[in-house]
């Protein structure tokens, strides 16, 4: 157990949008996944100082010789925030709830992709339980896989696989989720919220891994970056992202040098093209769109030139990243020729969906301008982030600008979820060879054996142009003097605020 000393007050933070859910089964975004990690726990979590996964609710894990049977021995002193003890039944219930079609989770792939025995039969309604998830006793869960899956334990650290209380979640009615009563086992308890205003967490005094240093967290919803920056400088926030317009000035200002945090994110930002929508079903049109967009101008403009130009799905920092892949060049004349070849010499009309975030709007408007230069007349539909995610996942958004942040530190996570599993529905993408390569890769225990398959799959995806890769981001923030323990971690849900200390 960690020795965490005395409580030190409230950590004051800002979020630029409200959380669309506080339920692990629906936590499809970075913000929601980050919040889930504070309120709930998984069997596994990310190590605070590396991208390794380590036991969390599981005290220890036993694995058989061929890595198809995992036995999780739970900590015996864990209670949910309402005092109800955690048992193995809650684990089985949480996983089956995620998979149950009646739950309608967009994240079923988190467990489906692992190949747990009996999942397919359960999802199809042929059986009432997943036989590969076995409650051995109150504190032991055994999970059996059809075949080895190299990333299995990483999946169990993902927000969607966090454990919810059966005695509460089983009572939810149709269309209800845990957002109104988010009871977990995590280091912080939900203390209340006012929609589009603020959300409060309070330290879990009985947390099995030791009480956090801080008493709680007060999140304010501040949509404007410059207003958040002013609030930070007025002493009302303990950490804040740097507004795009001020970034270069701040990172070059010695006054902020000791308080500046930067992280090369395991992430890629992309402009997606839904192949269900004509004429985006023509690869020549998709390639023409990619050629029409000056991606370096986007990086140099809204992102101040601090990010790396993306050429493919796998970001730097992961084995499988391949800088030799030539990015589709900015070539408006070539784009016009391709459009004419595809039967659109005068361009066409299309719709781009965008969130209301300031930087995203700026990027989307730049894309709109570049497309207009080759005759493509795009209109922008601004919607809330939750609406965009919901419609993108369902394949209803014709084109949109989004990102993918690593759920775990393996390139498989940037390939299979987005181009083979349900994530591929975002753009109606399918390539049987890509699916075949990744099916082979996932059974290989050694990373060096998986990498060549990742690289071949990646090249095929780039050729198919389901999306236009824009940037690999570097994030910057400033922290109040004396505040320590906020992690610069490449996995977005790794920081449970267990190390945070206030002056």
Protein backbone atom coordinates (compact mmCIF):
# COMPACT_ATOMS: atom_id res chain seq x y z
CA UNK A 1 0.00 0.00 0.00
CA UNK A 2 1.21 3.48 -0.85
CA UNK A 3 2.05 5.85 1.98
CA UNK A 4 0.44 9.09 0.94
CA UNK A 5 0.74 11.41 3.91
CA UNK A 6 -1.73 14.15 4.71
CA UNK A 7 -4.46 15.64 2.58
CA UNK A 8 -3.59 18.95 0.99
CA UNK A 9 -6.73 20.62 -0.33
CA UNK A 10 -8.50 20.78 -3.67
CA UNK A 11 -6.87 20.50 -7.10
CA UNK A 12 -8.48 23.05 -9.43
CA UNK A 13 -8.60 22.13 -13.09
CA UNK A 14 -10.35 23.10 -16.29
CA UNK A 15 -12.06 21.01 -18.96
CA UNK A 16 -13.08 22.60 -22.25
CA UNK A 17 -16.31 20.60 -22.55
CA UNK A 18 -18.66 18.69 -20.33
CA UNK A 19 -18.38 14.92 -20.03
CA UNK A 20 -20.90 13.13 -22.23
CA UNK A 21 -20.89 10.14 -19.84
CA UNK A 22 -19.48 8.98 -16.51
CA UNK A 23 -20.14 5.32 -17.29
CA UNK A 24 -17.22 3.09 -18.34
CA UNK A 25 -19.33 1.22 -20.90
CA UNK A 26 -19.81 4.44 -22.87
CA UNK A 27 -16.50 6.22 -22.25
CA UNK A 28 -15.40 6.45 -25.88
CA UNK A 29 -13.59 9.80 -25.62
CA UNK A 30 -10.34 10.92 -24.02
CA UNK A 31 -12.04 13.19 -21.47
CA UNK A 32 -14.52 10.55 -20.39
CA UNK A 33 -11.87 7.85 -20.20
CA UNK A 34 -9.67 10.11 -18.11
CA UNK A 35 -12.57 10.73 -15.68
CA UNK A 36 -13.48 7.04 -15.50
CA UNK A 37 -9.92 6.33 -14.28
CA UNK A 38 -10.48 8.62 -11.30
CA UNK A 39 -13.85 7.19 -10.21
CA UNK A 40 -13.44 3.52 -11.17
CA UNK A 41 -10.71 0.88 -11.31
CA UNK A 42 -9.88 -1.92 -13.71
CA UNK A 43 -8.31 -5.26 -13.00
CA UNK A 44 -5.17 -3.71 -14.47
CA UNK A 45 -3.88 -0.15 -14.77
CA UNK A 46 -0.95 1.64 -16.35
CA UNK A 47 2.22 2.02 -14.36
CA UNK A 48 2.67 5.67 -13.45
CA UNK A 49 6.23 5.81 -14.80
CA UNK A 50 6.04 3.63 -17.91
CA UNK A 51 3.61 2.22 -20.46
CA UNK A 52 3.59 -1.18 -18.75
CA UNK A 53 0.34 -2.52 -17.33
CA UNK A 54 0.35 -3.58 -13.69
CA UNK A 55 -2.27 -5.18 -11.42
CA UNK A 56 -4.86 -2.83 -9.94
CA UNK A 57 -7.99 -4.44 -8.50
CA UNK A 58 -6.17 -7.67 -9.15
CA UNK A 59 -3.59 -8.28 -6.46
CA UNK A 60 -1.85 -10.79 -8.70
CA UNK A 61 -2.39 -12.50 -12.05
CA UNK A 62 -1.54 -16.09 -12.94
CA UNK A 63 -1.12 -17.03 -16.60
CA UNK A 64 -0.93 -20.55 -18.01
CA UNK A 65 1.89 -21.70 -20.28
CA UNK A 66 0.28 -20.82 -23.61
CA UNK A 67 -1.24 -17.52 -22.35
CA UNK A 68 -4.85 -18.55 -22.88
CA UNK A 69 -6.00 -18.76 -19.25
CA UNK A 70 -5.63 -15.79 -16.88
CA UNK A 71 -6.53 -16.10 -13.21
CA UNK A 72 -7.04 -12.83 -11.36
CA UNK A 73 -6.81 -12.79 -7.58
CA UNK A 74 -8.62 -9.69 -6.30
CA UNK A 75 -7.62 -7.54 -3.38
CA UNK A 76 -9.87 -8.48 -0.46
CA UNK A 77 -10.21 -5.05 1.11
CA UNK A 78 -11.84 -3.19 -1.79
CA UNK A 79 -15.23 -1.51 -1.41
CA UNK A 80 -17.32 0.54 -3.78
CA UNK A 81 -17.95 4.16 -2.84
CA UNK A 82 -21.24 3.20 -1.16
CA UNK A 83 -19.44 0.71 1.10
CA UNK A 84 -20.52 -2.41 -0.77
CA UNK A 85 -17.63 -4.90 -1.10
CA UNK A 86 -16.15 -5.69 -4.50
CA UNK A 87 -16.35 -9.35 -5.49
CA UNK A 88 -15.59 -11.45 -8.53
CA UNK A 89 -19.30 -11.28 -9.40
CA UNK A 90 -18.92 -7.55 -10.10
CA UNK A 91 -16.10 -8.28 -12.53
CA UNK A 92 -18.08 -10.85 -14.49
CA UNK A 93 -21.16 -8.63 -14.45
CA UNK A 94 -19.21 -5.58 -15.69
CA UNK A 95 -17.69 -7.46 -18.60
CA UNK A 96 -20.97 -9.08 -19.63
CA UNK A 97 -22.76 -5.74 -19.30
CA UNK A 98 -20.25 -4.18 -21.71
CA UNK A 99 -20.81 -7.00 -24.21
CA UNK A 100 -24.60 -7.23 -23.85
CA UNK A 101 -26.34 -5.86 -26.97
CA UNK A 102 -29.03 -4.41 -24.70
CA UNK A 103 -26.41 -2.12 -23.16
CA UNK A 104 -25.65 -0.73 -26.63
CA UNK A 105 -22.09 0.16 -25.72
CA UNK A 106 -19.93 1.50 -28.58
CA UNK A 107 -16.94 -0.19 -26.92
CA UNK A 108 -17.78 -3.89 -27.10
CA UNK A 109 -14.63 -4.37 -29.17
CA UNK A 110 -12.54 -3.85 -26.04
CA UNK A 111 -13.51 -7.36 -24.94
CA UNK A 112 -14.69 -8.88 -28.23
CA UNK A 113 -11.29 -8.42 -29.83
CA UNK A 114 -9.56 -10.38 -27.08
CA UNK A 115 -11.18 -13.66 -28.07
CA UNK A 116 -12.65 -14.60 -24.70
CA UNK A 117 -14.27 -18.02 -24.92
CA UNK A 118 -18.03 -17.77 -25.43
CA UNK A 119 -18.24 -14.06 -26.26
CA UNK A 120 -19.65 -14.60 -29.75
CA UNK A 121 -22.40 -16.91 -28.48
CA UNK A 122 -23.28 -14.43 -25.72
CA UNK A 123 -23.41 -11.44 -28.06
CA UNK A 124 -25.59 -13.41 -30.48
CA UNK A 125 -28.02 -14.25 -27.68
CA UNK A 126 -27.43 -18.00 -27.86
CA UNK A 127 -26.35 -18.24 -24.20
CA UNK A 128 -27.02 -16.27 -21.02
CA UNK A 129 -23.43 -15.85 -19.87
CA UNK A 130 -19.88 -15.72 -21.18
CA UNK A 131 -18.53 -19.13 -20.21
CA UNK A 132 -14.94 -17.93 -20.59
CA UNK A 133 -15.41 -15.53 -17.65
CA UNK A 134 -15.60 -17.76 -14.58
CA UNK A 135 -16.20 -16.77 -10.97
CA UNK A 136 -13.99 -19.22 -9.08
CA UNK A 137 -14.81 -17.73 -5.68
CA UNK A 138 -15.59 -14.31 -4.22
CA UNK A 139 -12.08 -13.03 -4.91
CA UNK A 140 -10.97 -15.02 -7.96
CA UNK A 141 -11.90 -14.60 -11.63
CA UNK A 142 -10.63 -16.91 -14.37
CA UNK A 143 -10.77 -15.73 -17.99
CA UNK A 144 -10.09 -18.14 -20.85
CA UNK A 145 -9.18 -17.11 -24.40
CA UNK A 146 -9.76 -19.08 -27.58
CA UNK A 147 -6.17 -18.38 -28.59
CA UNK A 148 -3.33 -16.23 -27.26
CA UNK A 149 -3.88 -12.49 -27.57
CA UNK A 150 -0.78 -10.43 -26.94
CA UNK A 151 -2.62 -7.29 -25.79
CA UNK A 152 -5.14 -8.93 -23.45
CA UNK A 153 -3.94 -7.39 -20.18
CA UNK A 154 -3.69 -3.99 -21.87
CA UNK A 155 -7.36 -4.19 -22.79
CA UNK A 156 -8.24 -4.78 -19.15
CA UNK A 157 -6.62 -1.44 -18.25
CA UNK A 158 -8.86 0.45 -20.68
CA UNK A 159 -11.72 2.62 -19.32
CA UNK A 160 -14.41 0.41 -20.86
CA UNK A 161 -13.12 -2.55 -18.83
CA UNK A 162 -13.33 -0.74 -15.48
CA UNK A 163 -15.51 -2.43 -12.92
CA UNK A 164 -18.99 -1.22 -11.95
CA UNK A 165 -21.17 -2.40 -9.03
CA UNK A 166 -23.62 -5.11 -10.02
CA UNK A 167 -26.04 -4.15 -7.26
CA UNK A 168 -26.46 -0.69 -8.83
CA UNK A 169 -25.91 -1.16 -12.56
CA UNK A 170 -28.20 -4.20 -12.73
CA UNK A 171 -31.10 -1.97 -11.61
CA UNK A 172 -30.77 0.54 -14.45
CA UNK A 173 -33.71 0.89 -16.76
CA UNK A 174 -33.69 1.06 -20.58
CA UNK A 175 -31.64 4.01 -21.78
CA UNK A 176 -30.14 4.66 -18.34
CA UNK A 177 -26.45 4.62 -17.53
CA UNK A 178 -24.31 5.33 -14.48
CA UNK A 179 -23.72 9.00 -15.26
CA UNK A 180 -26.24 10.12 -12.66
CA UNK A 181 -24.80 7.89 -9.94
CA UNK A 182 -21.21 6.96 -10.85
CA UNK A 183 -20.24 4.56 -8.07
CA UNK A 184 -16.86 2.91 -8.50
CA UNK A 185 -13.95 1.75 -6.38
CA UNK A 186 -11.54 4.45 -7.56
CA UNK A 187 -9.44 6.92 -5.58
CA UNK A 188 -12.04 9.67 -5.97
CA UNK A 189 -15.77 9.73 -5.38
CA UNK A 190 -18.23 11.69 -7.48
CA UNK A 191 -19.40 14.66 -5.39
CA UNK A 192 -21.74 16.42 -7.80
CA UNK A 193 -21.92 18.44 -10.98
CA UNK A 194 -23.75 21.25 -12.68
CA UNK A 195 -23.97 20.56 -16.38
CA UNK A 196 -21.76 22.84 -18.51
CA UNK A 197 -20.48 24.52 -15.34
CA UNK A 198 -18.45 22.26 -13.02
CA UNK A 199 -17.86 18.76 -11.64
CA UNK A 200 -16.48 17.83 -8.24
CA UNK A 201 -14.64 14.79 -6.93
CA UNK A 202 -13.75 14.04 -3.32
CA UNK A 203 -10.97 11.76 -2.10
CA UNK A 204 -11.98 8.18 -1.30
CA UNK A 205 -10.98 7.85 2.36
CA UNK A 206 -11.17 4.05 2.12
CA UNK A 207 -9.27 3.56 -1.13
CA UNK A 208 -7.58 0.18 -1.01
CA UNK A 209 -4.28 1.54 -2.34
CA UNK A 210 -4.20 4.36 0.20
CA UNK A 211 -5.93 7.72 0.40
CA UNK A 212 -4.86 10.29 -2.23
CA UNK A 213 -2.78 13.23 -1.03
CA UNK A 214 -5.40 15.75 -2.11
CA UNK A 215 -8.91 16.18 -0.71
CA UNK A 216 -10.55 16.35 -4.10
CA UNK A 217 -10.71 17.87 -7.56
CA UNK A 218 -12.82 20.79 -8.75
CA UNK A 219 -13.24 20.83 -12.54
CA UNK A 220 -14.64 23.93 -14.21
CA UNK A 221 -16.04 23.79 -17.72
CA UNK A 222 -14.33 26.67 -19.51
CA UNK A 223 -14.80 26.50 -23.26
CA UNK A 224 -12.52 29.40 -24.23
CA UNK A 225 -8.78 28.75 -24.01
CA UNK A 226 -7.89 32.38 -23.38
CA UNK A 227 -10.37 32.64 -20.52
CA UNK A 228 -8.89 29.50 -18.96
CA UNK A 229 -5.41 31.00 -19.32
CA UNK A 230 -6.54 34.17 -17.56
CA UNK A 231 -8.06 32.09 -14.76
CA UNK A 232 -4.77 30.24 -14.34
CA UNK A 233 -2.77 33.44 -14.14
CA UNK A 234 -5.29 34.81 -11.63
CA UNK A 235 -4.52 31.82 -9.37
CA UNK A 236 -7.86 30.08 -9.89
CA UNK A 237 -6.52 27.00 -11.68
CA UNK A 238 -3.61 24.73 -10.76
CA UNK A 239 -2.80 23.62 -14.31
CA UNK A 240 -3.91 24.66 -17.77
CA UNK A 241 -3.22 24.05 -21.42
CA UNK A 242 -1.57 26.89 -23.31
CA UNK A 243 -3.80 28.75 -25.81
CA UNK A 244 -2.67 28.27 -29.38
CA UNK A 245 -2.27 32.01 -29.93
CA UNK A 246 0.14 32.27 -26.99
CA UNK A 247 1.99 28.96 -27.28
CA UNK A 248 5.27 30.10 -28.79
CA UNK A 249 5.50 33.10 -26.46
CA UNK A 250 4.89 30.94 -23.38
CA UNK A 251 7.20 28.05 -24.19
CA UNK A 252 10.00 30.54 -24.91
CA UNK A 253 9.36 32.61 -21.76
CA UNK A 254 11.88 31.81 -18.97
CA UNK A 255 9.23 32.72 -16.39
CA UNK A 256 7.36 29.52 -17.25
CA UNK A 257 10.38 27.25 -17.78
CA UNK A 258 10.16 25.41 -14.45
CA UNK A 259 6.41 24.96 -14.71
CA UNK A 260 6.12 23.93 -18.34
CA UNK A 261 5.04 20.36 -19.11
CA UNK A 262 5.22 18.82 -22.58
CA UNK A 263 4.21 15.37 -23.78
CA UNK A 264 4.75 13.73 -27.16
CA UNK A 265 1.38 12.07 -27.32
CA UNK A 266 0.80 8.58 -28.64
CA UNK A 267 -1.91 9.93 -30.90
CA UNK A 268 -2.83 10.83 -34.44
CA UNK A 269 -5.27 13.48 -35.69
CA UNK A 270 -7.02 12.71 -38.95
CA UNK A 271 -9.67 13.94 -41.39
CA UNK A 272 -12.02 11.02 -42.01
CA UNK A 273 -13.83 10.32 -45.26
CA UNK A 274 -16.92 8.12 -45.06
CA UNK A 275 -16.88 5.71 -47.97
CA UNK A 276 -20.61 5.11 -47.68
CA UNK A 277 -21.16 8.63 -49.05
CA UNK A 278 -20.72 9.26 -52.77
CA UNK A 279 -18.31 10.22 -54.21
CA UNK A 280 -16.10 9.41 -51.21
CA UNK A 281 -16.47 5.72 -52.10
CA UNK A 282 -14.00 6.36 -54.95
CA UNK A 283 -10.37 6.08 -53.80
CA UNK A 284 -9.36 8.62 -56.47
CA UNK A 285 -11.65 11.20 -54.88
CA UNK A 286 -10.30 10.45 -51.41
CA UNK A 287 -6.73 10.77 -52.68
CA UNK A 288 -7.63 14.03 -54.42
CA UNK A 289 -8.98 15.39 -51.14
CA UNK A 290 -5.74 14.42 -49.41
CA UNK A 291 -3.72 16.15 -52.15
CA UNK A 292 -5.86 19.28 -51.86
CA UNK A 293 -5.13 19.80 -48.15
CA UNK A 294 -1.97 21.65 -47.15
CA UNK A 295 -1.41 19.76 -43.89
CA UNK A 296 1.80 21.60 -43.05
CA UNK A 297 -0.13 24.88 -43.22
CA UNK A 298 -2.58 23.46 -40.68
CA UNK A 299 0.28 22.52 -38.36
CA UNK A 300 2.00 25.88 -38.83
CA UNK A 301 -1.27 27.78 -38.30
CA UNK A 302 -3.61 26.49 -35.58
CA UNK A 303 -0.86 24.32 -34.05
CA UNK A 304 2.03 26.83 -34.19
CA UNK A 305 4.37 24.46 -35.97
CA UNK A 306 5.02 22.40 -32.83
CA UNK A 307 3.55 19.09 -34.05
CA UNK A 308 4.93 16.50 -36.45
CA UNK A 309 3.35 16.00 -39.85
CA UNK A 310 1.54 12.66 -39.88
CA UNK A 311 2.12 10.22 -42.69
CA UNK A 312 0.34 7.08 -41.46
CA UNK A 313 -1.77 5.66 -38.60
CA UNK A 314 1.07 4.60 -36.27
CA UNK A 315 2.62 7.54 -34.38
CA UNK A 316 6.28 7.98 -33.42
CA UNK A 317 7.10 6.34 -30.13
CA UNK A 318 5.56 3.00 -31.07
CA UNK A 319 7.29 0.08 -32.71
CA UNK A 320 5.84 -0.04 -36.21
CA UNK A 321 6.10 3.67 -36.91
CA UNK A 322 7.59 3.98 -40.38
CA UNK A 323 8.98 7.36 -41.41
CA UNK A 324 9.83 5.96 -44.85
CA UNK A 325 6.15 6.01 -45.84
CA UNK A 326 5.75 8.97 -48.17
CA UNK A 327 2.86 11.19 -47.10
CA UNK A 328 0.38 12.08 -49.81
CA UNK A 329 1.82 15.37 -51.13
CA UNK A 330 0.09 18.72 -51.21
CA UNK A 331 -0.66 19.03 -54.91
CA UNK A 332 -3.80 21.02 -55.86
CA UNK A 333 -3.19 20.59 -59.60
CA UNK A 334 -2.83 16.85 -59.17
CA UNK A 335 -6.01 16.85 -57.08
CA UNK A 336 -7.94 18.57 -59.88
CA UNK A 337 -6.69 16.01 -62.40
CA UNK A 338 -7.73 13.12 -60.18
CA UNK A 339 -11.16 14.63 -59.63
CA UNK A 340 -11.63 15.02 -63.38
CA UNK A 341 -10.49 11.44 -63.92
CA UNK A 342 -13.06 10.29 -61.35
CA UNK A 343 -15.82 12.18 -63.18
CA UNK A 344 -15.89 15.37 -61.11
CA UNK A 345 -14.12 18.04 -63.21
CA UNK A 346 -16.22 20.73 -61.53
CA UNK A 347 -15.89 19.30 -58.05
CA UNK A 348 -18.88 18.41 -55.88
CA UNK A 349 -20.62 19.32 -52.64
CA UNK A 350 -19.90 17.66 -49.31
CA UNK A 351 -20.54 18.15 -45.61
CA UNK A 352 -17.90 18.24 -42.86
CA UNK A 353 -18.91 17.66 -39.26
CA UNK A 354 -16.96 19.53 -36.59
CA UNK A 355 -17.03 19.92 -32.83
CA UNK A 356 -17.39 23.41 -31.41
CA UNK A 357 -13.84 23.48 -30.02
CA UNK A 358 -12.01 26.62 -31.12
CA UNK A 359 -8.98 24.90 -32.64
CA UNK A 360 -11.07 22.20 -34.33
CA UNK A 361 -13.21 24.86 -35.99
CA UNK A 362 -10.07 26.62 -37.22
CA UNK A 363 -8.73 23.38 -38.70
CA UNK A 364 -12.04 22.49 -40.31
CA UNK A 365 -12.35 25.93 -41.87
CA UNK A 366 -8.85 25.60 -43.31
CA UNK A 367 -9.77 22.23 -44.80
CA UNK A 368 -12.92 23.82 -46.23
CA UNK A 369 -10.79 26.53 -47.85
CA UNK A 370 -8.26 24.09 -49.35
CA UNK A 371 -11.06 21.96 -50.78
CA UNK A 372 -12.68 25.03 -52.34
CA UNK A 373 -9.43 25.68 -54.22
CA UNK A 374 -9.96 22.45 -56.19
CA UNK A 375 -13.70 22.94 -56.70
CA UNK A 376 -15.05 20.95 -53.74
CA UNK A 377 -17.77 22.97 -52.01
CA UNK A 378 -17.87 21.95 -48.35
CA UNK A 379 -20.29 23.07 -45.67
CA UNK A 380 -19.48 22.70 -41.97
CA UNK A 381 -21.94 21.25 -39.47
CA UNK A 382 -20.88 22.23 -35.93
CA UNK A 383 -22.14 19.86 -33.24
CA UNK A 384 -21.30 18.96 -29.64
CA UNK A 385 -18.46 16.48 -29.20
CA UNK A 386 -20.77 13.73 -27.94
CA UNK A 387 -23.02 14.14 -30.99
CA UNK A 388 -20.05 13.90 -33.34
CA UNK A 389 -18.66 10.80 -31.64
CA UNK A 390 -22.05 9.08 -31.64
CA UNK A 391 -22.67 9.78 -35.32
CA UNK A 392 -19.10 9.01 -36.37
CA UNK A 393 -19.16 5.64 -34.61
CA UNK A 394 -22.49 4.87 -36.27
CA UNK A 395 -21.11 5.82 -39.69
CA UNK A 396 -23.54 8.70 -40.19
CA UNK A 397 -21.04 11.58 -40.39
CA UNK A 398 -19.85 12.08 -44.00
CA UNK A 399 -16.49 13.68 -43.12
CA UNK A 400 -15.03 14.82 -39.81
CA UNK A 401 -11.85 15.77 -37.98
CA UNK A 402 -11.05 13.58 -34.97
CA UNK A 403 -8.16 11.99 -33.15
CA UNK A 404 -7.17 8.62 -31.77
CA UNK A 405 -5.16 8.44 -28.55
CA UNK A 406 -3.48 5.23 -27.46
CA UNK A 407 -5.50 2.97 -25.21
CA UNK A 408 -2.31 1.00 -24.75
CA UNK A 409 1.24 1.25 -26.03
CA UNK A 410 1.15 -1.09 -29.00
CA UNK A 411 0.61 -0.23 -32.66
CA UNK A 412 -2.17 -2.82 -32.87
CA UNK A 413 -4.32 -0.27 -31.04
CA UNK A 414 -3.90 2.20 -33.93
CA UNK A 415 -4.79 -0.38 -36.56
CA UNK A 416 -7.35 -2.97 -35.53
CA UNK A 417 -9.88 -0.77 -33.67
CA UNK A 418 -9.99 1.81 -36.48
CA UNK A 419 -9.61 -0.26 -39.64
CA UNK A 420 -10.94 -3.74 -38.84
CA UNK A 421 -13.16 -3.67 -35.72
CA UNK A 422 -16.24 -1.53 -35.17
CA UNK A 423 -14.17 1.64 -35.47
CA UNK A 424 -13.92 0.99 -39.20
CA UNK A 425 -17.65 1.77 -39.39
CA UNK A 426 -16.65 5.41 -38.98
CA UNK A 427 -15.67 5.48 -42.63
CA UNK A 428 -17.07 2.23 -44.05
CA UNK A 429 -13.57 0.83 -44.47
CA UNK A 430 -12.77 -2.80 -45.21
CA UNK A 431 -9.62 -4.50 -46.49
CA UNK A 432 -9.49 -8.30 -46.01
CA UNK A 433 -5.69 -8.38 -46.22
CA UNK A 434 -5.38 -5.82 -43.41
CA UNK A 435 -7.74 -7.93 -41.29
CA UNK A 436 -5.72 -11.06 -42.06
CA UNK A 437 -2.40 -9.45 -41.09
CA UNK A 438 -3.74 -8.17 -37.79
CA UNK A 439 -5.41 -11.47 -36.98
CA UNK A 440 -2.02 -13.10 -37.33
CA UNK A 441 -0.20 -10.39 -35.38
CA UNK A 442 -2.41 -10.51 -32.32
CA UNK A 443 -1.41 -14.08 -31.47
CA UNK A 444 2.31 -13.30 -31.49
CA UNK A 445 3.75 -12.79 -28.04
CA UNK A 446 6.96 -11.10 -29.24
CA UNK A 447 6.72 -7.50 -30.42
CA UNK A 448 9.53 -7.96 -32.95
CA UNK A 449 7.39 -10.59 -34.69
CA UNK A 450 4.34 -8.33 -34.82
CA UNK A 451 6.04 -5.22 -36.20
CA UNK A 452 6.52 -6.40 -39.84
CA UNK A 453 2.84 -7.29 -40.00
CA UNK A 454 1.87 -3.91 -38.57
CA UNK A 455 3.99 -2.16 -41.17
CA UNK A 456 2.52 -4.10 -44.09
CA UNK A 457 -1.01 -3.44 -42.85
CA UNK A 458 -0.22 0.23 -42.36
CA UNK A 459 1.02 0.66 -45.94
CA UNK A 460 -2.16 -0.93 -47.30
CA UNK A 461 -4.30 1.41 -45.20
CA UNK A 462 -2.39 4.47 -46.39
CA UNK A 463 -2.93 3.41 -50.00
CA UNK A 464 -6.69 3.05 -49.41
CA UNK A 465 -6.98 6.60 -47.98
CA UNK A 466 -9.85 6.05 -45.53
CA UNK A 467 -8.59 9.17 -43.75
CA UNK A 468 -6.16 12.01 -44.32
CA UNK A 469 -3.50 11.94 -41.61
CA UNK A 470 -2.82 15.45 -40.32
CA UNK A 471 -0.56 15.49 -37.26
CA UNK A 472 1.13 13.67 -34.40
CA UNK A 473 0.55 16.04 -31.47
CA UNK A 474 2.79 17.44 -28.79
CA UNK A 475 0.80 18.81 -25.86
CA UNK A 476 1.91 21.66 -23.60
CA UNK A 477 0.59 22.77 -20.25
CA UNK A 478 1.67 24.98 -17.36
CA UNK A 479 1.38 23.94 -13.72
CA UNK A 480 1.16 26.22 -10.69
CA UNK A 481 4.39 26.49 -8.73
CA UNK A 482 4.61 23.81 -6.05
CA UNK A 483 2.04 21.48 -7.65
CA UNK A 484 3.70 18.11 -8.29
CA UNK A 485 2.67 14.64 -9.36
CA UNK A 486 0.56 15.47 -12.43
CA UNK A 487 1.77 12.88 -14.90
CA UNK A 488 3.05 13.64 -18.39
CA UNK A 489 1.95 10.18 -19.46
CA UNK A 490 1.40 9.11 -23.07
CA UNK A 491 -1.65 7.01 -22.10
CA UNK A 492 -4.56 9.34 -21.47
CA UNK A 493 -6.21 7.37 -18.65
CA UNK A 494 -3.02 6.49 -16.75
CA UNK A 495 -3.10 9.31 -14.20
CA UNK A 496 -5.36 8.50 -11.26
CA UNK A 497 -4.05 11.59 -9.38
CA UNK A 498 -2.53 9.34 -6.73
CA UNK A 499 0.80 11.17 -6.86
CA UNK A 500 -0.51 14.74 -6.96
CA UNK A 501 0.62 17.05 -4.16
CA UNK A 502 -0.26 20.70 -3.59
CA UNK A 503 2.03 23.33 -2.03
